[in-house]
Amino acid sequence: MKPFFDDAYAIFEAAEAACRSGQCLSDTTVLIGPDGAIQMLAGSDWPLERLAAERGAERAYRVGETGGRVRLDARSGSRTCRLESQSSSRMARELLGFSPIQPHAGILLLPPAMSD
C-alpha cells in the first residue's frame, strides 16, 4: 500500500511545484504497471479504474490544475485517494487571518484594521 500513497504524494508535489513556477498543467494520467513500467497519457477522460484495467496498470493517477488549484485522483484496486491544494489567493487570505466576507447590499464589508 505504501508505494500507492508515496507515488500519489510525489506526483502531487511535482504538479504543485510546476504550477508555482508558472508552468501550465494539463490533465495528465500516470499509469504504473506491476513491473514498475510507467505510462503517461495527456487529456484522457476515461475513468481511472477502466483505464488501468485496459492498460494493465496496477496503479493509476490523474493530476490537473483548475483555477490555481492542483488536484490528484488515484486508484489502485479498491483503494482510492484524492489530494487537492487550495488556490494561492485563498491560502493568502487564511495566512493573513482574513475570513470569507459576504457582500451586503452591494457593499463589501472589510475586517477592522489590525493594530501593531
Protein backbone atom coordinates (compact mmCIF):
# COMPACT_ATOMS: atom_id res chain seq x y z
CA MET A 1 0.00 0.00 0.00
CA LYS A 2 2.87 2.38 0.73
CA PRO A 3 4.00 2.79 -2.92
CA PHE A 4 0.44 3.81 -3.85
CA PHE A 5 0.38 6.73 -1.41
CA ASP A 6 4.08 7.60 -1.86
CA ASP A 7 3.62 7.86 -5.62
CA ALA A 8 0.43 9.90 -5.19
CA TYR A 9 2.23 12.36 -2.95
CA ALA A 10 5.29 12.61 -5.22
CA ILE A 11 3.16 13.25 -8.32
CA PHE A 12 1.08 15.83 -6.42
CA GLU A 13 4.19 17.63 -5.14
CA ALA A 14 5.70 17.75 -8.66
CA ALA A 15 2.45 19.17 -10.04
CA GLU A 16 2.27 21.83 -7.31
CA ALA A 17 5.90 22.82 -7.99
CA ALA A 18 5.18 23.14 -11.72
CA CYS A 19 2.10 25.24 -11.01
CA ARG A 20 4.02 27.52 -8.61
CA SER A 21 6.70 28.10 -11.26
CA GLY A 22 4.05 29.26 -13.72
CA GLN A 23 4.01 26.15 -15.89
CA CYS A 24 0.69 25.26 -17.48
CA LEU A 25 -0.52 21.96 -16.06
CA SER A 26 -2.86 19.96 -18.31
CA ASP A 27 -4.74 16.88 -17.16
CA THR A 28 -2.24 14.02 -17.16
CA THR A 29 -2.78 10.38 -16.27
CA VAL A 30 0.11 8.33 -14.92
CA LEU A 31 -0.21 4.55 -15.01
CA ILE A 32 2.23 2.24 -13.21
CA GLY A 33 2.30 -1.44 -14.11
CA PRO A 34 3.07 -4.39 -11.85
CA ASP A 35 6.63 -4.38 -13.21
CA GLY A 36 7.07 -0.65 -12.43
CA ALA A 37 6.70 0.44 -16.07
CA ILE A 38 5.26 3.96 -16.33
CA GLN A 39 2.82 5.17 -18.98
CA MET A 40 1.77 8.82 -19.21
CA LEU A 41 -1.31 9.99 -21.09
CA ALA A 42 -2.45 13.57 -21.66
CA GLY A 43 -6.12 14.54 -21.68
CA SER A 44 -7.67 11.09 -21.15
CA ASP A 45 -11.26 11.26 -19.93
CA TRP A 46 -11.59 7.53 -19.22
CA PRO A 47 -12.39 6.61 -15.61
CA LEU A 48 -9.17 5.64 -13.82
CA GLU A 49 -10.41 2.15 -12.98
CA ARG A 50 -11.25 1.32 -16.61
CA LEU A 51 -8.08 2.90 -17.97
CA ALA A 52 -5.90 0.96 -15.52
CA ALA A 53 -7.64 -2.30 -16.46
CA GLU A 54 -7.34 -1.58 -20.19
CA ARG A 55 -3.62 -0.80 -19.93
CA GLY A 56 -2.77 -3.49 -17.33
CA ALA A 57 -1.73 -0.93 -14.72
CA GLU A 58 -1.52 -1.68 -11.02
CA ARG A 59 -1.83 1.98 -10.00
CA ALA A 60 -3.43 4.95 -11.79
CA TYR A 61 -3.07 8.66 -11.02
CA ARG A 62 -4.73 11.65 -12.71
CA VAL A 63 -3.41 15.11 -11.94
CA GLY A 64 -4.52 18.51 -13.20
CA GLU A 65 -4.96 22.16 -12.32
CA THR A 66 -8.09 24.31 -12.33
CA GLY A 67 -8.30 27.87 -11.09
CA GLY A 68 -4.90 27.76 -9.38
CA ARG A 69 -5.75 24.53 -7.52
CA VAL A 70 -3.87 21.29 -8.13
CA ARG A 71 -5.93 18.11 -7.88
CA LEU A 72 -4.84 14.47 -7.94
CA ASP A 73 -7.11 11.41 -8.05
CA ALA A 74 -5.55 8.00 -7.57
CA ARG A 75 -6.73 4.41 -7.75
CA SER A 76 -5.18 1.03 -7.05
CA GLY A 77 -7.68 -1.83 -7.00
CA SER A 78 -10.36 -0.87 -4.46
CA ARG A 79 -8.20 1.87 -2.86
CA THR A 80 -8.72 5.49 -3.85
CA CYS A 81 -7.07 8.75 -2.88
CA ARG A 82 -7.68 12.43 -3.63
CA LEU A 83 -5.25 15.25 -2.91
CA GLU A 84 -6.21 18.85 -3.59
CA SER A 85 -4.43 22.11 -2.92
CA GLN A 86 -6.00 25.42 -2.08
CA SER A 87 -5.81 28.30 -4.52
CA SER A 88 -3.00 30.72 -3.78
CA SER A 89 -5.45 33.59 -3.12
CA ARG A 90 -7.40 31.53 -0.56
CA MET A 91 -4.19 30.40 1.11
CA ALA A 92 -3.01 34.02 1.35
CA ARG A 93 -6.31 35.09 2.95
CA GLU A 94 -6.04 32.31 5.53
CA LEU A 95 -2.40 33.08 6.30
CA LEU A 96 -3.25 36.75 6.77
CA GLY A 97 -6.15 35.88 9.05
CA PHE A 98 -8.99 37.04 6.83
CA SER A 99 -12.20 35.07 6.92
CA PRO A 100 -14.58 34.96 3.97
CA ILE A 101 -16.73 38.08 3.96
CA GLN A 102 -20.06 38.28 2.24
CA PRO A 103 -21.08 41.49 0.43
CA HIS A 104 -24.18 43.16 1.83
CA ALA A 105 -26.46 45.35 -0.29
CA GLY A 106 -23.68 45.94 -2.82
CA ILE A 107 -21.17 46.99 -0.15
CA LEU A 108 -18.15 44.87 0.64
CA LEU A 109 -17.54 44.79 4.37
CA LEU A 110 -13.89 44.66 5.36
CA PRO A 111 -12.49 43.44 8.69
CA PRO A 112 -11.19 46.13 11.07
CA ALA A 113 -7.59 47.21 10.54
CA MET A 114 -5.08 45.19 12.53
CA SER A 115 -3.23 47.10 15.23
CA ASP A 116 0.52 46.80 15.78
